[in-house]
PDB file of N, CA and C in Angstrom:
ATOM      1  N   MET A   1       0.597  -1.208   0.275  1.00  0.00           N
ATOM      2  CA  MET A   1      -0.034  -0.237  -0.509  1.00  0.00           C
ATOM      3  C   MET A   1       1.074   1.273  -0.138  1.00  0.00           C
ATOM      4  N   TRP A   2       1.908   0.724   1.175  1.00  0.00           N
ATOM      5  CA  TRP A   2       2.289   2.525   0.902  1.00  0.00           C
ATOM      6  C   TRP A   2       3.436   2.636  -0.742  1.00  0.00           C
ATOM      7  N   GLN A   3       4.053   1.922  -0.973  1.00  0.00           N
ATOM      8  CA  GLN A   3       4.245   1.720  -2.375  1.00  0.00           C
ATOM      9  C   GLN A   3       3.738   2.685  -3.720  1.00  0.00           C
ATOM     10  N   ASP A   4       2.428   1.958  -3.429  1.00  0.00           N
ATOM     11  CA  ASP A   4       1.776   3.206  -3.915  1.00  0.00           C
ATOM     12  C   ASP A   4       0.958   4.576  -3.893  1.00  0.00           C
ATOM     13  N   PHE A   5       0.733   4.366  -2.761  1.00  0.00           N
ATOM     14  CA  PHE A   5       0.476   5.970  -1.886  1.00  0.00           C
ATOM     15  C   PHE A   5       2.347   6.978  -2.624  1.00  0.00           C
ATOM     16  N   VAL A   6       3.418   6.438  -1.877  1.00  0.00           N
ATOM     17  CA  VAL A   6       4.478   7.201  -2.287  1.00  0.00           C
ATOM     18  C   VAL A   6       4.600   7.815  -4.137  1.00  0.00           C
ATOM     19  N   ALA A   7       3.758   5.927  -4.597  1.00  0.00           N
ATOM     20  CA  ALA A   7       4.488   6.699  -5.936  1.00  0.00           C
ATOM     21  C   ALA A   7       3.430   7.916  -6.689  1.00  0.00           C
ATOM     22  N   ALA A   8       2.104   7.075  -5.752  1.00  0.00           N
ATOM     23  CA  ALA A   8       1.206   8.598  -6.487  1.00  0.00           C
ATOM     24  C   ALA A   8       1.399   9.765  -5.365  1.00  0.00           C
ATOM     25  N   GLY A   9       1.794   9.769  -4.610  1.00  0.00           N
ATOM     26  CA  GLY A   9       2.669  10.859  -4.623  1.00  0.00           C
ATOM     27  C   GLY A   9       3.636  11.822  -5.384  1.00  0.00           C
ATOM     28  N   THR A  10       4.174  11.507  -6.140  1.00  0.00           N
ATOM     29  CA  THR A  10       5.037  12.028  -6.842  1.00  0.00           C
ATOM     30  C   THR A  10       4.506  13.031  -7.880  1.00  0.00           C
ATOM     31  N   THR A  11       3.452  12.455  -8.503  1.00  0.00           N
ATOM     32  CA  THR A  11       2.544  13.608  -9.279  1.00  0.00           C
ATOM     33  C   THR A  11       1.125  14.104  -7.828  1.00  0.00           C
ATOM     34  N   SER A  12       1.398  13.725  -7.191  1.00  0.00           N
ATOM     35  CA  SER A  12      -0.267  13.497  -6.967  1.00  0.00           C
ATOM     36  C   SER A  12      -0.998  13.407  -7.250  1.00  0.00           C
ATOM     37  N   ASP A  13      -1.216  12.765  -7.669  1.00  0.00           N
ATOM     38  CA  ASP A  13      -2.377  11.667  -8.248  1.00  0.00           C
ATOM     39  C   ASP A  13      -3.493  11.005  -7.193  1.00  0.00           C
ATOM     40  N   TRP A  14      -4.524  11.601  -6.524  1.00  0.00           N
ATOM     41  CA  TRP A  14      -4.952  11.577  -5.941  1.00  0.00           C
ATOM     42  C   TRP A  14      -6.032  10.160  -6.640  1.00  0.00           C
ATOM     43  N   GLN A  15      -6.474   9.950  -8.267  1.00  0.00           N
ATOM     44  CA  GLN A  15      -7.151   9.060  -8.483  1.00  0.00           C
ATOM     45  C   GLN A  15      -6.532   8.496  -8.823  1.00  0.00           C
ATOM     46  N   SER A  16      -5.783   7.434  -8.576  1.00  0.00           N
ATOM     47  CA  SER A  16      -4.122   6.348  -9.033  1.00  0.00           C
ATOM     48  C   SER A  16      -5.302   4.955  -8.514  1.00  0.00           C
ATOM     49  N   PRO A  17      -5.024   3.973  -9.496  1.00  0.00           N
ATOM     50  CA  PRO A  17      -6.104   3.154  -9.632  1.00  0.00           C
ATOM     51  C   PRO A  17      -5.156   1.752  -8.181  1.00  0.00           C
ATOM     52  N   LYS A  18      -4.267   2.439  -7.823  1.00  0.00           N
ATOM     53  CA  LYS A  18      -3.102   1.270  -7.689  1.00  0.00           C
ATOM     54  C   LYS A  18      -3.136   1.849  -5.850  1.00  0.00           C
ATOM     55  N   LEU A  19      -4.325   2.643  -5.673  1.00  0.00           N
ATOM     56  CA  LEU A  19      -4.455   3.388  -4.105  1.00  0.00           C
ATOM     57  C   LEU A  19      -4.812   1.746  -3.309  1.00  0.00           C
ATOM     58  N   GLY A  20      -5.977   1.571  -4.066  1.00  0.00           N
ATOM     59  CA  GLY A  20      -7.309   0.423  -4.020  1.00  0.00           C
ATOM     60  C   GLY A  20      -7.183  -0.837  -4.334  1.00  0.00           C
ATOM     61  N   GLN A  21      -5.345  -1.132  -4.606  1.00  0.00           N
ATOM     62  CA  GLN A  21      -5.345  -2.291  -5.331  1.00  0.00           C
ATOM     63  C   GLN A  21      -5.213  -3.120  -3.346  1.00  0.00           C
ATOM     64  N   TYR A  22      -3.956  -2.172  -2.521  1.00  0.00           N
ATOM     65  CA  TYR A  22      -3.670  -2.805  -1.321  1.00  0.00           C
ATOM     66  C   TYR A  22      -4.903  -1.967  -0.261  1.00  0.00           C
ATOM     67  N   ALA A  23      -5.824  -1.270  -0.027  1.00  0.00           N
ATOM     68  CA  ALA A  23      -6.444  -0.170   1.250  1.00  0.00           C
ATOM     69  C   ALA A  23      -7.398  -0.325   0.245  1.00  0.00           C
ATOM     70  N   THR A  24      -8.462   0.402   1.390  1.00  0.00           N
ATOM     71  CA  THR A  24      -9.944   0.225   1.723  1.00  0.00           C
ATOM     72  C   THR A  24     -10.437   1.223   2.223  1.00  0.00           C
ATOM     73  N   GLY A  25     -12.183   1.179   2.289  1.00  0.00           N
ATOM     74  CA  GLY A  25     -13.022   1.833   3.499  1.00  0.00           C
ATOM     75  C   GLY A  25     -11.828   3.391   3.990  1.00  0.00           C
ATOM     76  N   ILE A  26     -11.642   3.831   5.184  1.00  0.00           N
ATOM     77  CA  ILE A  26     -10.813   4.797   5.573  1.00  0.00           C
ATOM     78  C   ILE A  26      -9.848   5.058   5.779  1.00  0.00           C
ATOM     79  N   ALA A  27      -8.949   4.087   4.561  1.00  0.00           N
ATOM     80  CA  ALA A  27      -7.540   3.900   4.929  1.00  0.00           C
ATOM     81  C   ALA A  27      -7.634   4.334   2.944  1.00  0.00           C
ATOM     82  N   LEU A  28      -8.255   3.992   2.154  1.00  0.00           N
ATOM     83  CA  LEU A  28      -7.730   4.585   0.926  1.00  0.00           C
ATOM     84  C   LEU A  28      -8.813   5.885   0.805  1.00  0.00           C
ATOM     85  N   THR A  29      -9.863   6.436   1.443  1.00  0.00           N
ATOM     86  CA  THR A  29     -10.028   7.714   1.567  1.00  0.00           C
ATOM     87  C   THR A  29      -9.017   8.495   2.642  1.00  0.00           C
ATOM     88  N   ASN A  30      -8.145   8.048   3.676  1.00  0.00           N
ATOM     89  CA  ASN A  30      -7.620   9.108   3.927  1.00  0.00           C
ATOM     90  C   ASN A  30      -6.210   9.217   2.486  1.00  0.00           C
ATOM     91  N   MET A  31      -5.695   8.479   1.997  1.00  0.00           N
ATOM     92  CA  MET A  31      -4.880   9.007   1.374  1.00  0.00           C
ATOM     93  C   MET A  31      -5.666   9.186   0.374  1.00  0.00           C
ATOM     94  N   SER A  32      -6.378   9.082  -0.905  1.00  0.00           N
ATOM     95  CA  SER A  32      -6.846  10.009  -1.490  1.00  0.00           C
ATOM     96  C   SER A  32      -6.869  11.267  -1.409  1.00  0.00           C
ATOM     97  N   ARG A  33      -7.722  11.547   0.425  1.00  0.00           N
ATOM     98  CA  ARG A  33      -8.103  13.367   0.276  1.00  0.00           C
ATOM     99  C   ARG A  33      -6.498  13.475   0.866  1.00  0.00           C
ATOM    100  N   SER A  34      -5.972  12.956   1.252  1.00  0.00           N
ATOM    101  CA  SER A  34      -3.947  13.353   1.278  1.00  0.00           C
ATOM    102  C   SER A  34      -3.528  13.982   0.092  1.00  0.00           C
ATOM    103  N   LEU A  35      -3.803  12.900  -0.898  1.00  0.00           N
ATOM    104  CA  LEU A  35      -3.151  13.053  -2.091  1.00  0.00           C
ATOM    105  C   LEU A  35      -3.637  14.452  -3.292  1.00  0.00           C
ATOM    106  N   TYR A  36      -5.615  14.659  -2.698  1.00  0.00           N
ATOM    107  CA  TYR A  36      -5.864  15.560  -3.691  1.00  0.00           C
ATOM    108  C   TYR A  36      -5.638  17.349  -2.752  1.00  0.00           C
ATOM    109  N   ALA A  37      -5.467  17.013  -1.229  1.00  0.00           N
ATOM    110  CA  ALA A  37      -5.094  17.978  -0.772  1.00  0.00           C
ATOM    111  C   ALA A  37      -3.245  18.839  -1.338  1.00  0.00           C
ATOM    112  N   ASP A  38      -2.542  17.393  -1.505  1.00  0.00           N
ATOM    113  CA  ASP A  38      -1.086  18.083  -2.408  1.00  0.00           C
ATOM    114  C   ASP A  38      -1.256  18.944  -3.136  1.00  0.00           C
ATOM    115  N   HIS A  39      -2.188  17.358  -4.404  1.00  0.00           N
ATOM    116  CA  HIS A  39      -2.580  18.564  -5.582  1.00  0.00           C
ATOM    117  C   HIS A  39      -3.075  20.219  -6.322  1.00  0.00           C
ATOM    118  N   TYR A  40      -4.334  20.417  -5.160  1.00  0.00           N
ATOM    119  CA  TYR A  40      -4.838  21.892  -4.537  1.00  0.00           C
ATOM    120  C   TYR A  40      -3.688  22.692  -4.567  1.00  0.00           C
ATOM    121  N   ASN A  41      -2.987  22.256  -3.503  1.00  0.00           N
ATOM    122  CA  ASN A  41      -1.639  22.955  -2.851  1.00  0.00           C
ATOM    123  C   ASN A  41      -0.305  23.152  -3.480  1.00  0.00           C
ATOM    124  N   GLY A  42       0.101  22.447  -4.867  1.00  0.00           N
ATOM    125  CA  GLY A  42       0.488  22.539  -6.232  1.00  0.00           C
ATOM    126  C   GLY A  42       2.292  21.633  -5.473  1.00  0.00           C
ATOM    127  N   LEU A  43       1.690  20.401  -4.698  1.00  0.00           N
ATOM    128  CA  LEU A  43       2.528  20.248  -3.812  1.00  0.00           C
ATOM    129  C   LEU A  43       2.947  18.872  -4.141  1.00  0.00           C
ATOM    130  N   VAL A  44       4.162  18.093  -4.497  1.00  0.00           N
ATOM    131  CA  VAL A  44       4.338  17.206  -4.865  1.00  0.00           C
ATOM    132  C   VAL A  44       5.589  15.860  -4.455  1.00  0.00           C
ATOM    133  N   THR A  45       5.350  14.526  -3.716  1.00  0.00           N
ATOM    134  CA  THR A  45       6.744  14.165  -2.820  1.00  0.00           C
ATOM    135  C   THR A  45       7.450  13.189  -3.591  1.00  0.00           C
ATOM    136  N   LYS A  46       8.789  13.325  -2.979  1.00  0.00           N
ATOM    137  CA  LYS A  46      10.305  13.679  -3.277  1.00  0.00           C
ATOM    138  C   LYS A  46      10.989  12.507  -2.533  1.00  0.00           C
ATOM    139  N   GLY A  47      11.583  11.001  -2.713  1.00  0.00           N
ATOM    140  CA  GLY A  47      12.227  10.362  -1.695  1.00  0.00           C
ATOM    141  C   GLY A  47      11.402   8.990  -1.149  1.00  0.00           C
ATOM    142  N   GLU A  48      12.200   8.798  -0.960  1.00  0.00           N
ATOM    143  CA  GLU A  48      11.275   7.233  -0.429  1.00  0.00           C
ATOM    144  C   GLU A  48      11.291   7.280   0.914  1.00  0.00           C
ATOM    145  N   PRO A  49      10.792   6.986   2.230  1.00  0.00           N
ATOM    146  CA  PRO A  49      10.269   7.206   3.344  1.00  0.00           C
ATOM    147  C   PRO A  49      10.860   5.485   3.925  1.00  0.00           C
ATOM    148  N   THR A  50      11.486   4.952   4.786  1.00  0.00           N
ATOM    149  CA  THR A  50      11.891   3.089   5.228  1.00  0.00           C
ATOM    150  C   THR A  50      10.981   3.095   5.912  1.00  0.00           C
ATOM    151  N   TYR A  51      10.582   2.432   6.096  1.00  0.00           N
ATOM    152  CA  TYR A  51       9.073   0.871   7.597  1.00  0.00           C
ATOM    153  C   TYR A  51       9.824  -0.079   7.878  1.00  0.00           C
ATOM    154  N   GLU A  52       9.020  -0.300   8.563  1.00  0.00           N
ATOM    155  CA  GLU A  52      10.269  -1.092   9.635  1.00  0.00           C
ATOM    156  C   GLU A  52       8.511  -2.739   9.727  1.00  0.00           C
ATOM    157  N   PRO A  53       7.872  -2.865   9.118  1.00  0.00           N
ATOM    158  CA  PRO A  53       6.480  -3.422   9.712  1.00  0.00           C
ATOM    159  C   PRO A  53       6.425  -4.675  11.047  1.00  0.00           C
ATOM    160  N   ALA A  54       5.436  -5.206  11.619  1.00  0.00           N
ATOM    161  CA  ALA A  54       5.824  -6.617  12.215  1.00  0.00           C
ATOM    162  C   ALA A  54       4.052  -6.992  12.657  1.00  0.00           C
ATOM    163  N   VAL A  55       3.566  -7.727  12.412  1.00  0.00           N
ATOM    164  CA  VAL A  55       2.307  -8.237  13.290  1.00  0.00           C
ATOM    165  C   VAL A  55       2.941  -8.387  14.369  1.00  0.00           C
ATOM    166  N   THR A  56       1.172  -7.198  14.892  1.00  0.00           N
ATOM    167  CA  THR A  56       1.247  -7.012  16.628  1.00  0.00           C
ATOM    168  C   THR A  56       0.109  -7.991  16.762  1.00  0.00           C
ATOM    169  N   SER A  57      -1.036  -8.064  16.332  1.00  0.00           N
ATOM    170  CA  SER A  57      -1.745  -9.246  16.628  1.00  0.00           C
ATOM    171  C   SER A  57      -2.556  -9.810  15.082  1.00  0.00           C
ATOM    172  N   ALA A  58      -3.681 -11.169  15.463  1.00  0.00           N
ATOM    173  CA  ALA A  58      -4.002 -11.632  14.861  1.00  0.00           C
ATOM    174  C   ALA A  58      -5.131 -12.044  15.422  1.00  0.00           C
ATOM    175  N   ASP A  59      -6.906 -11.975  14.588  1.00  0.00           N
ATOM    176  CA  ASP A  59      -7.621 -12.023  15.834  1.00  0.00           C
ATOM    177  C   ASP A  59      -9.260 -13.057  14.034  1.00  0.00           C
ATOM    178  N   PRO A  60      -9.413 -14.058  14.139  1.00  0.00           N
ATOM    179  CA  PRO A  60      -9.085 -14.602  15.347  1.00  0.00           C
ATOM    180  C   PRO A  60      -7.338 -15.699  14.797  1.00  0.00           C
ATOM    181  N   PRO A  61      -6.629 -16.092  16.322  1.00  0.00           N
ATOM    182  CA  PRO A  61      -5.582 -16.183  15.784  1.00  0.00           C
ATOM    183  C   PRO A  61      -5.181 -17.387  15.194  1.00  0.00           C
ATOM    184  N   ASP A  62      -6.259 -18.475  15.592  1.00  0.00           N
ATOM    185  CA  ASP A  62      -5.733 -19.406  14.007  1.00  0.00           C
ATOM    186  C   ASP A  62      -6.272 -19.322  12.800  1.00  0.00           C
ATOM    187  N   ASN A  63      -7.523 -18.712  13.054  1.00  0.00           N
ATOM    188  CA  ASN A  63      -7.507 -18.381  11.525  1.00  0.00           C
ATOM    189  C   ASN A  63      -7.433 -16.965  10.724  1.00  0.00           C
ATOM    190  N   PRO A  64      -6.821 -15.772  11.604  1.00  0.00           N
ATOM    191  CA  PRO A  64      -6.750 -14.464  11.265  1.00  0.00           C
ATOM    192  C   PRO A  64      -8.324 -13.916   9.999  1.00  0.00           C
ATOM    193  N   SER A  65      -8.977 -12.849   9.952  1.00  0.00           N
ATOM    194  CA  SER A  65      -9.611 -11.900   9.603  1.00  0.00           C
ATOM    195  C   SER A  65      -9.337 -10.988   9.907  1.00  0.00           C
ATOM    196  N   LYS A  66      -8.184 -10.749  10.895  1.00  0.00           N
ATOM    197  CA  LYS A  66      -8.026  -9.086  10.701  1.00  0.00           C
ATOM    198  C   LYS A  66      -6.222  -9.290  11.935  1.00  0.00           C
ATOM    199  N   ILE A  67      -5.597  -7.856  10.905  1.00  0.00           N
ATOM    200  CA  ILE A  67      -4.493  -8.012  11.676  1.00  0.00           C
ATOM    201  C   ILE A  67      -3.991  -6.589  11.902  1.00  0.00           C
ATOM    202  N   VAL A  68      -3.323  -6.690  12.660  1.00  0.00           N
ATOM    203  CA  VAL A  68      -2.996  -5.280  13.456  1.00  0.00           C
ATOM    204  C   VAL A  68      -1.231  -5.434  12.850  1.00  0.00           C
ATOM    205  N   ILE A  69      -0.667  -4.328  12.132  1.00  0.00           N
ATOM    206  CA  ILE A  69       0.736  -4.389  12.023  1.00  0.00           C
ATOM    207  C   ILE A  69       1.277  -3.232  12.432  1.00  0.00           C
ATOM    208  N   THR A  70       2.218  -2.571  13.476  1.00  0.00           N
ATOM    209  CA  THR A  70       3.043  -1.963  14.184  1.00  0.00           C
ATOM    210  C   THR A  70       3.703  -1.316  12.940  1.00  0.00           C
ATOM    211  N   ASP A  71       4.549  -0.100  12.472  1.00  0.00           N
ATOM    212  CA  ASP A  71       5.081  -0.698  12.333  1.00  0.00           C
ATOM    213  C   ASP A  71       6.380   1.531  12.224  1.00  0.00           C
ATOM    214  N   CYS A  72       6.900   1.482  12.020  1.00  0.00           N
ATOM    215  CA  CYS A  72       7.911   2.599  12.847  1.00  0.00           C
ATOM    216  C   CYS A  72       8.678   3.597  11.214  1.00  0.00           C
ATOM    217  N   SER A  73       7.690   3.816  10.472  1.00  0.00           N
ATOM    218  CA  SER A  73       8.448   4.568   9.750  1.00  0.00           C
ATOM    219  C   SER A  73       8.629   6.176   9.294  1.00  0.00           C
ATOM    220  N   ASP A  74      10.536   5.928   8.440  1.00  0.00           N
ATOM    221  CA  ASP A  74      10.854   6.856   9.142  1.00  0.00           C
ATOM    222  C   ASP A  74      11.040   7.534   7.471  1.00  0.00           C
ATOM    223  N   ASP A  75      10.542   9.612   7.143  1.00  0.00           N
ATOM    224  CA  ASP A  75      10.051   9.780   5.794  1.00  0.00           C
ATOM    225  C   ASP A  75      10.992  11.495   6.027  1.00  0.00           C
ATOM    226  N   SER A  76      11.984  11.110   6.941  1.00  0.00           N
ATOM    227  CA  SER A  76      13.185  12.090   6.577  1.00  0.00           C
ATOM    228  C   SER A  76      14.019  12.524   4.691  1.00  0.00           C
ATOM    229  N   HIS A  77      13.473  10.902   4.216  1.00  0.00           N
ATOM    230  CA  HIS A  77      14.033  11.443   2.948  1.00  0.00           C
ATOM    231  C   HIS A  77      12.703  11.217   1.903  1.00  0.00           C
ATOM    232  N   TRP A  78      12.095  11.722   2.132  1.00  0.00           N
ATOM    233  CA  TRP A  78      10.368  11.847   2.078  1.00  0.00           C
ATOM    234  C   TRP A  78       9.700  12.606   2.067  1.00  0.00           C
ATOM    235  N   LEU A  79      10.367  13.790   1.470  1.00  0.00           N
ATOM    236  CA  LEU A  79       9.078  15.281   1.740  1.00  0.00           C
ATOM    237  C   LEU A  79       8.749  15.869   1.137  1.00  0.00           C
ATOM    238  N   LYS A  80       7.639  16.445   1.016  1.00  0.00           N
ATOM    239  CA  LYS A  80       7.042  17.722  -0.513  1.00  0.00           C
ATOM    240  C   LYS A  80       7.623  18.994  -1.068  1.00  0.00           C
ATOM    241  N   TYR A  81       7.314  19.330  -1.708  1.00  0.00           N
ATOM    242  CA  TYR A  81       7.691  19.755  -2.481  1.00  0.00           C
ATOM    243  C   TYR A  81       7.097  20.917  -3.623  1.00  0.00           C
ATOM    244  N   LYS A  82       7.098  22.105  -3.738  1.00  0.00           N
ATOM    245  CA  LYS A  82       5.880  22.947  -4.561  1.00  0.00           C
ATOM    246  C   LYS A  82       6.462  21.784  -6.372  1.00  0.00           C
ATOM    247  N   ALA A  83       5.270  21.688  -6.983  1.00  0.00           N
ATOM    248  CA  ALA A  83       5.427  20.830  -8.122  1.00  0.00           C
ATOM    249  C   ALA A  83       6.264  21.891  -9.002  1.00  0.00           C
ATOM    250  N   ASP A  84       5.375  23.434  -9.437  1.00  0.00           N
ATOM    251  CA  ASP A  84       5.914  24.963 -10.410  1.00  0.00           C
ATOM    252  C   ASP A  84       8.032  24.706 -10.517  1.00  0.00           C
ATOM    253  N   THR A  85       8.582  24.479  -8.759  1.00  0.00           N
ATOM    254  CA  THR A  85       9.634  25.789  -8.719  1.00  0.00           C
ATOM    255  C   THR A  85      10.553  24.458  -8.321  1.00  0.00           C
ATOM    256  N   GLY A  86      10.302  23.407  -7.768  1.00  0.00           N
ATOM    257  CA  GLY A  86      10.858  21.931  -6.933  1.00  0.00           C
ATOM    258  C   GLY A  86      11.469  22.720  -6.004  1.00  0.00           C
ATOM    259  N   GLN A  87      11.311  23.261  -4.680  1.00  0.00           N
ATOM    260  CA  GLN A  87      12.070  24.288  -3.828  1.00  0.00           C
ATOM    261  C   GLN A  87      10.660  23.184  -2.951  1.00  0.00           C
ATOM    262  N   LEU A  88      11.619  22.376  -1.550  1.00  0.00           N
ATOM    263  CA  LEU A  88      10.441  22.331  -0.796  1.00  0.00           C
ATOM    264  C   LEU A  88       9.705  23.074  -0.069  1.00  0.00           C
ATOM    265  N   ALA A  89       8.951  22.353   0.369  1.00  0.00           N
ATOM    266  CA  ALA A  89       7.436  23.420  -0.022  1.00  0.00           C
ATOM    267  C   ALA A  89       7.553  23.080   2.345  1.00  0.00           C
ATOM    268  N   ASN A  90       8.086  23.417   2.795  1.00  0.00           N
ATOM    269  CA  ASN A  90       8.527  23.983   4.135  1.00  0.00           C
ATOM    270  C   ASN A  90       9.449  23.481   4.821  1.00  0.00           C
ATOM    271  N   ASP A  91      10.141  24.062   6.384  1.00  0.00           N
ATOM    272  CA  ASP A  91      11.319  23.852   6.575  1.00  0.00           C
ATOM    273  C   ASP A  91      10.894  22.870   8.157  1.00  0.00           C
ATOM    274  N   THR A  92       9.775  21.834   7.691  1.00  0.00           N
ATOM    275  CA  THR A  92       9.716  20.464   8.503  1.00  0.00           C
ATOM    276  C   THR A  92      10.638  19.566   8.144  1.00  0.00           C
ATOM    277  N   PRO A  93      11.889  18.900   9.051  1.00  0.00           N
ATOM    278  CA  PRO A  93      12.442  17.495   8.197  1.00  0.00           C
ATOM    279  C   PRO A  93      11.510  16.885   8.653  1.00  0.00           C
ATOM    280  N   GLY A  94      11.817  15.570   8.621  1.00  0.00           N
ATOM    281  CA  GLY A  94      11.367  14.302   8.141  1.00  0.00           C
ATOM    282  C   GLY A  94      11.526  13.983   9.441  1.00  0.00           C
ATOM    283  N   GLY A  95      11.556  12.614   9.270  1.00  0.00           N
ATOM    284  CA  GLY A  95      11.761  11.812  11.246  1.00  0.00           C
ATOM    285  C   GLY A  95      11.381  10.512  11.047  1.00  0.00           C
ATOM    286  N   ARG A  96      11.216   9.407  12.532  1.00  0.00           N
ATOM    287  CA  ARG A  96      10.476   8.100  12.840  1.00  0.00           C
ATOM    288  C   ARG A  96       9.004   8.867  13.071  1.00  0.00           C
ATOM    289  N   HIS A  97       8.412   8.075  12.753  1.00  0.00           N
ATOM    290  CA  HIS A  97       6.641   8.333  13.426  1.00  0.00           C
ATOM    291  C   HIS A  97       6.313   6.090  13.272  1.00  0.00           C
ATOM    292  N   LEU A  98       5.171   6.439  14.659  1.00  0.00           N
ATOM    293  CA  LEU A  98       4.649   5.226  14.811  1.00  0.00           C
ATOM    294  C   LEU A  98       3.246   5.532  14.258  1.00  0.00           C
ATOM    295  N   ILE A  99       3.172   4.391  13.034  1.00  0.00           N
ATOM    296  CA  ILE A  99       2.499   3.669  12.245  1.00  0.00           C
ATOM    297  C   ILE A  99       1.420   2.904  12.531  1.00  0.00           C
ATOM    298  N   ASN A 100      -0.041   2.294  12.953  1.00  0.00           N
ATOM    299  CA  ASN A 100      -1.050   1.682  13.756  1.00  0.00           C
ATOM    300  C   ASN A 100      -1.471   1.157  12.500  1.00  0.00           C
ATOM    301  N   ALA A 101      -1.747  -0.061  12.093  1.00  0.00           N
ATOM    302  CA  ALA A 101      -2.799  -0.140  10.706  1.00  0.00           C
ATOM    303  C   ALA A 101      -3.839  -1.306  11.227  1.00  0.00           C
ATOM    304  N   ILE A 102      -4.493  -1.190  10.164  1.00  0.00           N
ATOM    305  CA  ILE A 102      -5.598  -2.664  10.644  1.00  0.00           C
ATOM    306  C   ILE A 102      -5.854  -2.967   9.615  1.00  0.00           C
ATOM    307  N   VAL A 103      -5.359  -4.388   9.018  1.00  0.00           N
ATOM    308  CA  VAL A 103      -5.205  -5.512   7.953  1.00  0.00           C
ATOM    309  C   VAL A 103      -6.483  -6.494   7.532  1.00  0.00           C
ATOM    310  N   GLN A 104      -7.796  -5.638   6.881  1.00  0.00           N
ATOM    311  CA  GLN A 104      -8.796  -7.040   7.183  1.00  0.00           C
ATOM    312  C   GLN A 104      -9.153  -8.446   5.918  1.00  0.00           C
ATOM    313  N   LYS A 105      -9.066  -9.387   5.685  1.00  0.00           N
ATOM    314  CA  LYS A 105      -9.921 -10.277   4.947  1.00  0.00           C
ATOM    315  C   LYS A 105     -10.168 -10.201   4.351  1.00  0.00           C
ATOM    316  N   GLN A 106     -10.638  -9.918   2.923  1.00  0.00           N
ATOM    317  CA  GLN A 106     -12.178  -9.424   1.843  1.00  0.00           C
ATOM    318  C   GLN A 106     -12.533 -10.275   1.660  1.00  0.00           C
ATOM    319  N   PRO A 107     -13.826  -9.794   1.076  1.00  0.00           N
ATOM    320  CA  PRO A 107     -14.526 -11.542   0.725  1.00  0.00           C
ATOM    321  C   PRO A 107     -14.346 -12.114  -0.431  1.00  0.00           C
ATOM    322  N   ASP A 108     -13.277 -11.299  -1.201  1.00  0.00           N
ATOM    323  CA  ASP A 108     -12.942 -12.031  -2.133  1.00  0.00           C
ATOM    324  C   ASP A 108     -11.172 -13.089  -2.077  1.00  0.00           C
ATOM    325  N   GLY A 109     -10.525 -12.870  -0.669  1.00  0.00           N
ATOM    326  CA  GLY A 109      -9.792 -13.317  -0.042  1.00  0.00           C
ATOM    327  C   GLY A 109      -8.966 -12.781   0.086  1.00  0.00           C
ATOM    328  N   SER A 110      -8.346 -11.799  -0.682  1.00  0.00           N
ATOM    329  CA  SER A 110      -7.594 -10.233  -0.841  1.00  0.00           C
ATOM    330  C   SER A 110      -7.073 -10.582   0.281  1.00  0.00           C
ATOM    331  N   TRP A 111      -6.323  -9.098   0.495  1.00  0.00           N
ATOM    332  CA  TRP A 111      -6.180  -8.580   1.898  1.00  0.00           C
ATOM    333  C   TRP A 111      -6.017  -7.288   1.928  1.00  0.00           C
ATOM    334  N   LYS A 112      -6.869  -6.353   2.957  1.00  0.00           N
ATOM    335  CA  LYS A 112      -6.552  -4.727   2.368  1.00  0.00           C
ATOM    336  C   LYS A 112      -6.223  -3.900   3.779  1.00  0.00           C
ATOM    337  N   VAL A 113      -5.204  -2.937   3.871  1.00  0.00           N
ATOM    338  CA  VAL A 113      -5.627  -2.076   4.293  1.00  0.00           C
ATOM    339  C   VAL A 113      -6.728  -1.226   4.860  1.00  0.00           C
ATOM    340  N   SER A 114      -7.787  -1.856   5.747  1.00  0.00           N
ATOM    341  CA  SER A 114      -8.768  -0.779   6.144  1.00  0.00           C
ATOM    342  C   SER A 114      -8.694   0.482   7.180  1.00  0.00           C
ATOM    343  N   GLU A 115      -7.292   0.618   8.027  1.00  0.00           N
ATOM    344  CA  GLU A 115      -6.967   1.722   8.729  1.00  0.00           C
ATOM    345  C   GLU A 115      -6.356   2.195   9.017  1.00  0.00           C
ATOM    346  N   TYR A 116      -5.585   3.326   9.185  1.00  0.00           N
ATOM    347  CA  TYR A 116      -4.411   3.009   9.422  1.00  0.00           C
ATOM    348  C   TYR A 116      -3.975   4.450  10.347  1.00  0.00           C
ATOM    349  N   GLY A 117      -3.457   4.647  11.568  1.00  0.00           N
ATOM    350  CA  GLY A 117      -3.006   5.934  11.635  1.00  0.00           C
ATOM    351  C   GLY A 117      -1.153   6.481  11.878  1.00  0.00           C
ATOM    352  N   VAL A 118      -1.108   7.461  11.687  1.00  0.00           N
ATOM    353  CA  VAL A 118       0.514   8.199  11.198  1.00  0.00           C
ATOM    354  C   VAL A 118       0.881   9.364  12.534  1.00  0.00           C
ATOM    355  N   HIS A 119       1.387   9.162  13.636  1.00  0.00           N
ATOM    356  CA  HIS A 119       1.659   9.305  14.689  1.00  0.00           C
ATOM    357  C   HIS A 119       2.457  10.192  14.246  1.00  0.00           C
ATOM    358  N   GLU A 120       3.062  11.863  15.991  1.00  0.00           N
ATOM    359  CA  GLU A 120       4.027  11.692  15.253  1.00  0.00           C
ATOM    360  C   GLU A 120       5.488  11.925  15.107  1.00  0.00           C
ATOM    361  N   VAL A 121       6.458  12.364  14.298  1.00  0.00           N
ATOM    362  CA  VAL A 121       7.528  12.718  14.678  1.00  0.00           C
ATOM    363  C   VAL A 121       8.685  11.935  15.636  1.00  0.00           C
ATOM    364  N   GLY A 122       8.773  11.562  16.017  1.00  0.00           N
ATOM    365  CA  GLY A 122       9.312  10.831  17.126  1.00  0.00           C
ATOM    366  C   GLY A 122       8.478   9.865  18.239  1.00  0.00           C
ATOM    367  N   THR A 123       7.876   8.995  17.144  1.00  0.00           N
ATOM    368  CA  THR A 123       7.152   8.394  18.815  1.00  0.00           C
ATOM    369  C   THR A 123       7.415   7.084  18.183  1.00  0.00           C
ATOM    370  N   CYS A 124       8.566   6.773  17.613  1.00  0.00           N
ATOM    371  CA  CYS A 124       9.074   5.699  17.144  1.00  0.00           C
ATOM    372  C   CYS A 124      10.619   5.904  17.283  1.00  0.00           C
TER     373      CYS A 124
END
């Protein structure tokens, strides 16, 4: 999911069909809205964040339909730029963020992120 979000961010493509490949519900809505806001404000993202995902719970444990993933993502090298000038959009550095995500098994058997929360810089 994050790789598709990062790719869409290079052009602020809030309508990228790839976003729905691994996200649904609130997660998909939040990603699309974030990209639309960047598009509206003339911003793009450049670079790549890093990830350290780990499954922290599975429900039910023997045959899960819901998994919780905790991640410590570093966006120090994934920043927003003005699309027209290529200059940094602000002087806010990135950093390490705690991310919690709920991944649910879909009726077709696929797994998609249904919710996620990105915490403030310095939370991991």
